[in-house]
N, C-alpha and C. Protein backbone atom coordinates (compact mmCIF):
# COMPACT_ATOMS: atom_id res chain seq x y z
N MET A 1 121.01 -34.12 -127.59
CA MET A 1 121.33 -33.45 -126.34
C MET A 1 120.65 -32.10 -126.26
N SER A 2 120.67 -31.31 -127.28
CA SER A 2 120.05 -29.99 -127.30
C SER A 2 120.75 -29.01 -126.37
N PHE A 3 119.97 -28.26 -125.56
CA PHE A 3 120.52 -27.26 -124.64
C PHE A 3 120.28 -27.71 -123.21
N VAL A 4 121.30 -28.23 -122.58
CA VAL A 4 121.18 -28.74 -121.21
C VAL A 4 121.89 -27.77 -120.27
N PRO A 5 121.15 -27.18 -119.33
CA PRO A 5 121.79 -26.24 -118.42
C PRO A 5 122.76 -26.94 -117.49
N LYS A 6 123.91 -26.31 -117.25
CA LYS A 6 124.90 -26.85 -116.32
C LYS A 6 124.34 -26.82 -114.90
N VAL A 7 123.69 -25.71 -114.56
CA VAL A 7 123.06 -25.52 -113.26
C VAL A 7 121.76 -24.75 -113.49
N VAL A 8 120.68 -25.17 -112.82
CA VAL A 8 119.42 -24.43 -112.92
C VAL A 8 119.26 -23.60 -111.67
N ASP A 9 119.34 -22.30 -111.81
CA ASP A 9 119.20 -21.40 -110.67
C ASP A 9 117.75 -21.28 -110.25
N GLU A 10 117.54 -21.18 -108.97
CA GLU A 10 116.20 -20.99 -108.43
C GLU A 10 115.61 -19.68 -108.96
N GLY A 11 114.33 -19.72 -109.32
CA GLY A 11 113.66 -18.52 -109.78
C GLY A 11 113.72 -18.30 -111.28
N LYS A 12 114.41 -19.14 -112.01
CA LYS A 12 114.50 -18.95 -113.46
C LYS A 12 113.56 -19.87 -114.23
N THR A 13 112.85 -20.76 -113.52
CA THR A 13 111.89 -21.62 -114.20
C THR A 13 110.51 -20.97 -114.17
N VAL A 14 109.75 -21.20 -115.24
CA VAL A 14 108.43 -20.59 -115.37
C VAL A 14 107.55 -21.49 -116.24
N SER A 15 106.26 -21.52 -115.96
CA SER A 15 105.30 -22.25 -116.79
C SER A 15 104.66 -21.26 -117.75
N LEU A 16 104.68 -21.60 -119.04
CA LEU A 16 104.19 -20.67 -120.07
C LEU A 16 103.13 -21.34 -120.94
N LEU A 17 102.15 -20.57 -121.38
CA LEU A 17 101.07 -21.07 -122.21
C LEU A 17 101.56 -21.32 -123.63
N ALA A 18 101.25 -22.51 -124.13
CA ALA A 18 101.69 -22.91 -125.47
C ALA A 18 100.49 -23.10 -126.39
N THR A 19 100.74 -23.12 -127.68
CA THR A 19 99.67 -23.32 -128.65
C THR A 19 99.15 -24.76 -128.58
N LEU A 20 97.93 -24.95 -129.05
CA LEU A 20 97.26 -26.25 -129.05
C LEU A 20 97.95 -27.22 -130.01
N SER A 21 98.02 -28.48 -129.61
CA SER A 21 98.56 -29.57 -130.44
C SER A 21 99.98 -29.28 -130.94
N THR A 22 100.82 -28.83 -130.04
CA THR A 22 102.21 -28.55 -130.37
C THR A 22 103.11 -29.45 -129.55
N ALA A 23 104.09 -30.05 -130.21
CA ALA A 23 105.04 -30.94 -129.50
C ALA A 23 106.25 -30.13 -129.05
N PHE A 24 106.59 -30.29 -127.79
CA PHE A 24 107.77 -29.66 -127.22
C PHE A 24 108.70 -30.76 -126.72
N THR A 25 109.98 -30.61 -126.97
CA THR A 25 110.97 -31.59 -126.56
C THR A 25 111.85 -31.01 -125.46
N LYS A 26 112.06 -31.80 -124.41
CA LYS A 26 112.89 -31.36 -123.29
C LYS A 26 114.26 -30.91 -123.78
N ASN A 27 114.72 -29.78 -123.27
CA ASN A 27 116.01 -29.16 -123.57
C ASN A 27 116.11 -28.53 -124.96
N ASN A 28 114.99 -28.38 -125.64
CA ASN A 28 115.00 -27.66 -126.91
C ASN A 28 114.60 -26.21 -126.68
N GLY A 29 115.06 -25.34 -127.55
CA GLY A 29 114.75 -23.93 -127.44
C GLY A 29 113.33 -23.63 -127.86
N VAL A 30 112.72 -22.65 -127.18
CA VAL A 30 111.37 -22.20 -127.51
C VAL A 30 111.33 -20.67 -127.50
N LYS A 31 110.30 -20.12 -128.12
CA LYS A 31 110.14 -18.68 -128.20
C LYS A 31 108.65 -18.34 -128.21
N PHE A 32 108.33 -17.05 -128.12
CA PHE A 32 106.95 -16.61 -128.19
C PHE A 32 106.60 -16.17 -129.61
N THR A 33 105.41 -16.57 -130.06
CA THR A 33 104.85 -16.09 -131.31
C THR A 33 103.37 -15.83 -131.05
N SER A 34 102.93 -14.62 -131.29
CA SER A 34 101.53 -14.22 -131.06
C SER A 34 101.06 -14.56 -129.66
N GLY A 35 101.93 -14.40 -128.68
CA GLY A 35 101.55 -14.59 -127.29
C GLY A 35 101.60 -16.02 -126.78
N TYR A 36 101.99 -16.97 -127.64
CA TYR A 36 102.07 -18.37 -127.25
C TYR A 36 103.47 -18.92 -127.49
N LEU A 37 103.80 -19.93 -126.72
CA LEU A 37 105.08 -20.60 -126.83
C LEU A 37 105.09 -21.52 -128.04
N VAL A 38 106.16 -21.48 -128.84
CA VAL A 38 106.36 -22.38 -129.98
C VAL A 38 107.82 -22.82 -129.99
N ALA A 39 108.11 -23.90 -130.68
CA ALA A 39 109.48 -24.37 -130.81
C ALA A 39 110.30 -23.38 -131.65
N ALA A 40 111.54 -23.17 -131.26
CA ALA A 40 112.43 -22.31 -132.03
C ALA A 40 112.83 -23.04 -133.32
N ALA A 41 113.29 -22.29 -134.29
CA ALA A 41 113.66 -22.88 -135.58
C ALA A 41 114.83 -22.12 -136.19
N SER A 42 115.40 -22.73 -137.21
CA SER A 42 116.48 -22.08 -137.94
C SER A 42 116.03 -20.71 -138.42
N GLY A 43 116.88 -19.73 -138.28
CA GLY A 43 116.55 -18.38 -138.71
C GLY A 43 116.02 -17.50 -137.59
N ASP A 44 115.64 -18.11 -136.46
CA ASP A 44 115.20 -17.30 -135.32
C ASP A 44 116.41 -16.58 -134.74
N PRO A 45 116.28 -15.30 -134.44
CA PRO A 45 117.43 -14.56 -133.93
C PRO A 45 117.80 -14.93 -132.49
N THR A 46 116.84 -15.42 -131.70
CA THR A 46 117.12 -15.77 -130.31
C THR A 46 116.25 -16.93 -129.86
N ILE A 47 116.62 -17.47 -128.73
CA ILE A 47 115.80 -18.44 -128.00
C ILE A 47 115.46 -17.75 -126.69
N ASP A 48 114.16 -17.68 -126.37
CA ASP A 48 113.74 -17.01 -125.15
C ASP A 48 113.80 -17.92 -123.92
N PHE A 49 113.48 -19.20 -124.14
CA PHE A 49 113.40 -20.18 -123.06
C PHE A 49 113.88 -21.53 -123.58
N VAL A 50 114.17 -22.44 -122.64
CA VAL A 50 114.47 -23.83 -122.98
C VAL A 50 113.41 -24.67 -122.28
N ALA A 51 112.75 -25.55 -123.03
CA ALA A 51 111.71 -26.42 -122.46
C ALA A 51 112.35 -27.39 -121.47
N LEU A 52 111.71 -27.57 -120.32
CA LEU A 52 112.22 -28.49 -119.30
C LEU A 52 111.40 -29.77 -119.23
N GLN A 53 110.53 -29.98 -120.22
CA GLN A 53 109.74 -31.20 -120.27
C GLN A 53 109.39 -31.51 -121.72
N THR A 54 109.15 -32.79 -121.99
CA THR A 54 108.66 -33.21 -123.30
C THR A 54 107.15 -33.39 -123.17
N VAL A 55 106.42 -32.66 -123.99
CA VAL A 55 104.96 -32.68 -123.90
C VAL A 55 104.36 -32.27 -125.24
N THR A 56 103.19 -32.82 -125.56
CA THR A 56 102.40 -32.34 -126.69
C THR A 56 101.16 -31.71 -126.09
N THR A 57 100.96 -30.44 -126.35
CA THR A 57 99.84 -29.73 -125.75
C THR A 57 98.52 -30.26 -126.32
N SER A 58 97.50 -30.32 -125.46
CA SER A 58 96.23 -30.89 -125.89
C SER A 58 95.00 -30.14 -125.40
N ALA A 59 95.15 -29.24 -124.45
CA ALA A 59 94.00 -28.52 -123.91
C ALA A 59 93.41 -27.57 -124.97
N ALA A 60 92.13 -27.31 -124.85
CA ALA A 60 91.44 -26.46 -125.82
C ALA A 60 92.11 -25.09 -125.95
N ASN A 61 92.59 -24.55 -124.85
CA ASN A 61 93.26 -23.26 -124.88
C ASN A 61 94.77 -23.41 -124.80
N GLY A 62 95.29 -24.57 -125.10
CA GLY A 62 96.71 -24.84 -124.98
C GLY A 62 97.05 -25.26 -123.56
N ASP A 63 98.25 -25.71 -123.34
CA ASP A 63 98.72 -26.13 -122.04
C ASP A 63 99.91 -25.28 -121.65
N GLU A 64 100.26 -25.36 -120.38
CA GLU A 64 101.47 -24.68 -119.93
C GLU A 64 102.64 -25.66 -120.01
N VAL A 65 103.78 -25.13 -120.38
CA VAL A 65 105.01 -25.91 -120.50
C VAL A 65 106.03 -25.33 -119.54
N LEU A 66 106.66 -26.19 -118.74
CA LEU A 66 107.69 -25.74 -117.80
C LEU A 66 108.95 -25.40 -118.59
N CYS A 67 109.46 -24.19 -118.39
CA CYS A 67 110.61 -23.71 -119.16
C CYS A 67 111.64 -23.05 -118.25
N LEU A 68 112.84 -22.94 -118.76
CA LEU A 68 113.92 -22.22 -118.10
C LEU A 68 114.14 -20.92 -118.88
N ARG A 69 114.04 -19.80 -118.17
CA ARG A 69 114.28 -18.50 -118.81
C ARG A 69 115.76 -18.42 -119.19
N VAL A 70 116.04 -18.06 -120.41
CA VAL A 70 117.41 -17.98 -120.91
C VAL A 70 117.96 -16.58 -120.65
N ASP A 71 119.15 -16.52 -120.08
CA ASP A 71 119.86 -15.25 -119.94
C ASP A 71 121.35 -15.55 -119.90
N PRO A 72 122.19 -14.54 -120.09
CA PRO A 72 123.64 -14.77 -120.19
C PRO A 72 124.29 -15.36 -118.93
N SER A 73 123.58 -15.41 -117.81
CA SER A 73 124.19 -15.97 -116.60
C SER A 73 124.14 -17.50 -116.56
N ILE A 74 123.35 -18.12 -117.44
CA ILE A 74 123.19 -19.57 -117.44
C ILE A 74 124.10 -20.20 -118.49
N VAL A 75 124.92 -21.15 -118.06
CA VAL A 75 125.81 -21.88 -118.97
C VAL A 75 125.10 -23.16 -119.41
N PHE A 76 125.15 -23.42 -120.72
CA PHE A 76 124.50 -24.61 -121.29
C PHE A 76 125.53 -25.50 -121.97
N TYR A 77 125.25 -26.81 -121.94
CA TYR A 77 125.90 -27.75 -122.84
C TYR A 77 125.02 -27.75 -124.08
N ALA A 78 125.60 -27.62 -125.26
CA ALA A 78 124.80 -27.50 -126.48
C ALA A 78 125.35 -28.39 -127.59
N THR A 79 124.44 -28.87 -128.42
CA THR A 79 124.79 -29.65 -129.60
C THR A 79 125.05 -28.68 -130.75
N THR A 80 126.06 -28.98 -131.55
CA THR A 80 126.39 -28.12 -132.69
C THR A 80 126.10 -28.82 -134.01
N SER A 81 126.01 -28.04 -135.07
CA SER A 81 125.70 -28.57 -136.40
C SER A 81 126.91 -29.20 -137.08
N ALA A 82 128.09 -28.85 -136.63
CA ALA A 82 129.34 -29.36 -137.23
C ALA A 82 130.32 -29.63 -136.10
N THR A 83 131.40 -30.30 -136.41
CA THR A 83 132.42 -30.60 -135.41
C THR A 83 133.10 -29.30 -134.96
N PRO A 84 133.03 -28.99 -133.66
CA PRO A 84 133.66 -27.75 -133.18
C PRO A 84 135.19 -27.87 -133.16
N VAL A 85 135.86 -26.74 -133.46
CA VAL A 85 137.31 -26.68 -133.49
C VAL A 85 137.75 -25.57 -132.55
N GLN A 86 138.66 -25.88 -131.65
CA GLN A 86 139.11 -24.94 -130.62
C GLN A 86 139.53 -23.59 -131.22
N ALA A 87 140.42 -23.61 -132.17
CA ALA A 87 140.98 -22.37 -132.73
C ALA A 87 139.97 -21.59 -133.57
N THR A 88 138.93 -22.25 -134.05
CA THR A 88 137.96 -21.60 -134.93
C THR A 88 136.71 -21.13 -134.19
N HIS A 89 136.17 -21.97 -133.31
CA HIS A 89 134.84 -21.70 -132.75
C HIS A 89 134.81 -21.15 -131.33
N VAL A 90 135.76 -21.53 -130.49
CA VAL A 90 135.73 -21.08 -129.10
C VAL A 90 135.96 -19.56 -129.03
N GLY A 91 135.08 -18.89 -128.29
CA GLY A 91 135.17 -17.43 -128.15
C GLY A 91 134.36 -16.67 -129.17
N ASN A 92 133.65 -17.38 -130.03
CA ASN A 92 132.84 -16.73 -131.06
C ASN A 92 131.35 -17.00 -130.83
N LYS A 93 130.51 -16.13 -131.42
CA LYS A 93 129.06 -16.24 -131.28
C LYS A 93 128.44 -16.77 -132.56
N TYR A 94 127.42 -17.65 -132.39
CA TYR A 94 126.78 -18.30 -133.52
C TYR A 94 125.26 -18.28 -133.40
N ASP A 95 124.60 -18.61 -134.51
CA ASP A 95 123.14 -18.67 -134.58
C ASP A 95 122.66 -20.07 -134.21
N ILE A 96 121.34 -20.21 -134.09
CA ILE A 96 120.78 -21.55 -133.92
C ILE A 96 120.43 -22.09 -135.30
N SER A 97 120.49 -23.41 -135.47
CA SER A 97 120.11 -24.00 -136.75
C SER A 97 118.83 -24.81 -136.63
N ALA A 98 118.38 -25.03 -135.41
CA ALA A 98 117.13 -25.75 -135.14
C ALA A 98 116.79 -25.50 -133.67
N ALA A 99 115.72 -26.11 -133.19
CA ALA A 99 115.29 -25.90 -131.81
C ALA A 99 116.32 -26.37 -130.79
N GLY A 100 117.23 -27.25 -131.22
CA GLY A 100 118.20 -27.77 -130.27
C GLY A 100 119.62 -27.83 -130.76
N THR A 101 119.98 -26.97 -131.72
CA THR A 101 121.32 -27.03 -132.32
C THR A 101 121.90 -25.65 -132.58
N ILE A 102 123.20 -25.52 -132.34
CA ILE A 102 123.93 -24.30 -132.67
C ILE A 102 124.54 -24.47 -134.06
N ASP A 103 124.40 -23.46 -134.91
CA ASP A 103 124.90 -23.50 -136.28
C ASP A 103 126.29 -22.86 -136.34
N LEU A 104 127.32 -23.68 -136.37
CA LEU A 104 128.70 -23.17 -136.38
C LEU A 104 129.10 -22.53 -137.70
N GLY A 105 128.21 -22.54 -138.67
CA GLY A 105 128.51 -21.91 -139.95
C GLY A 105 127.78 -20.61 -140.16
N ASN A 106 127.05 -20.13 -139.15
CA ASN A 106 126.24 -18.93 -139.35
C ASN A 106 126.43 -17.96 -138.19
N THR A 107 126.79 -16.74 -138.51
CA THR A 107 127.03 -15.71 -137.48
C THR A 107 126.21 -14.45 -137.74
N THR A 108 125.00 -14.60 -138.25
CA THR A 108 124.14 -13.45 -138.52
C THR A 108 123.61 -12.83 -137.24
N ASP A 109 122.99 -13.65 -136.38
CA ASP A 109 122.36 -13.15 -135.17
C ASP A 109 123.26 -13.24 -133.94
N LYS A 110 124.24 -14.13 -133.97
CA LYS A 110 125.23 -14.26 -132.90
C LYS A 110 124.59 -14.38 -131.52
N CYS A 111 123.68 -15.34 -131.36
CA CYS A 111 122.95 -15.44 -130.09
C CYS A 111 123.57 -16.42 -129.10
N PHE A 112 124.53 -17.27 -129.50
CA PHE A 112 125.13 -18.23 -128.58
C PHE A 112 126.65 -18.12 -128.61
N LEU A 113 127.25 -17.86 -127.45
CA LEU A 113 128.70 -17.75 -127.33
C LEU A 113 129.29 -19.11 -126.96
N VAL A 114 130.16 -19.65 -127.79
CA VAL A 114 130.83 -20.92 -127.50
C VAL A 114 132.03 -20.60 -126.61
N GLU A 115 132.05 -21.18 -125.39
CA GLU A 115 133.12 -20.91 -124.44
C GLU A 115 134.11 -22.06 -124.28
N LYS A 116 133.66 -23.27 -124.60
CA LYS A 116 134.53 -24.43 -124.40
C LYS A 116 134.00 -25.60 -125.22
N ILE A 117 134.90 -26.44 -125.72
CA ILE A 117 134.49 -27.68 -126.38
C ILE A 117 134.48 -28.78 -125.32
N ILE A 118 133.35 -29.45 -125.20
CA ILE A 118 133.20 -30.55 -124.25
C ILE A 118 133.55 -31.88 -124.91
N ASP A 119 133.04 -32.11 -126.12
CA ASP A 119 133.26 -33.36 -126.85
C ASP A 119 133.15 -33.08 -128.34
N ALA A 120 134.28 -32.92 -129.01
CA ALA A 120 134.27 -32.59 -130.44
C ALA A 120 133.66 -33.71 -131.27
N THR A 121 133.92 -34.96 -130.93
CA THR A 121 133.40 -36.09 -131.69
C THR A 121 131.88 -36.10 -131.70
N ASN A 122 131.27 -35.83 -130.56
CA ASN A 122 129.80 -35.81 -130.46
C ASN A 122 129.21 -34.41 -130.64
N LYS A 123 130.05 -33.45 -131.02
CA LYS A 123 129.63 -32.08 -131.34
C LYS A 123 128.95 -31.39 -130.16
N ILE A 124 129.58 -31.45 -128.99
CA ILE A 124 129.03 -30.82 -127.79
C ILE A 124 129.96 -29.72 -127.31
N VAL A 125 129.38 -28.54 -127.08
CA VAL A 125 130.14 -27.40 -126.58
C VAL A 125 129.47 -26.87 -125.31
N GLU A 126 130.17 -25.99 -124.64
CA GLU A 126 129.63 -25.29 -123.48
C GLU A 126 129.62 -23.80 -123.82
N GLY A 127 128.53 -23.13 -123.44
CA GLY A 127 128.45 -21.70 -123.71
C GLY A 127 127.18 -21.11 -123.15
N ARG A 128 126.84 -19.92 -123.64
CA ARG A 128 125.66 -19.22 -123.12
C ARG A 128 124.98 -18.40 -124.21
N PHE A 129 123.67 -18.20 -124.03
CA PHE A 129 122.91 -17.35 -124.94
C PHE A 129 123.18 -15.90 -124.60
N MET A 130 123.31 -15.07 -125.63
CA MET A 130 123.74 -13.70 -125.45
C MET A 130 122.73 -12.69 -125.98
N GLN A 131 121.44 -13.00 -126.01
CA GLN A 131 120.50 -12.08 -126.63
C GLN A 131 120.42 -10.72 -125.97
N SER A 132 120.75 -10.61 -124.70
CA SER A 132 120.70 -9.29 -124.07
C SER A 132 122.02 -8.53 -124.21
N ILE A 133 123.00 -9.17 -124.84
CA ILE A 133 124.30 -8.54 -125.08
C ILE A 133 124.59 -8.62 -126.59
N ALA A 134 124.77 -7.51 -127.25
CA ALA A 134 124.98 -7.51 -128.71
C ALA A 134 126.31 -8.11 -129.09
């Protein structure tokens, strides 16, 4: 599932230049490295954008990837690394563990606020990225 926006607001989508021969998966987090878009990974403090298409870049100078700019006003459905628990996880901020997963065991960077459990069995929560809010 990764990061699926509940609603996509007009004006928040943007096409960004990505590195050559890089695979991007729809609804996975991405970030900038050396001026190019790359997939987010465990240990990254934030996700800057969410890819809105699945594509492998092939152009000599890279291709553009359609993305959704991440900010605290956008609510996402997100996949978690462990089964979410209402009393433990809701209302707390967590790190990412991969390009499309929230790490419920790590609170170093606290970039994603879990606001609601959607489906504990399938490890799906609702929340928002908080990089502009400490």
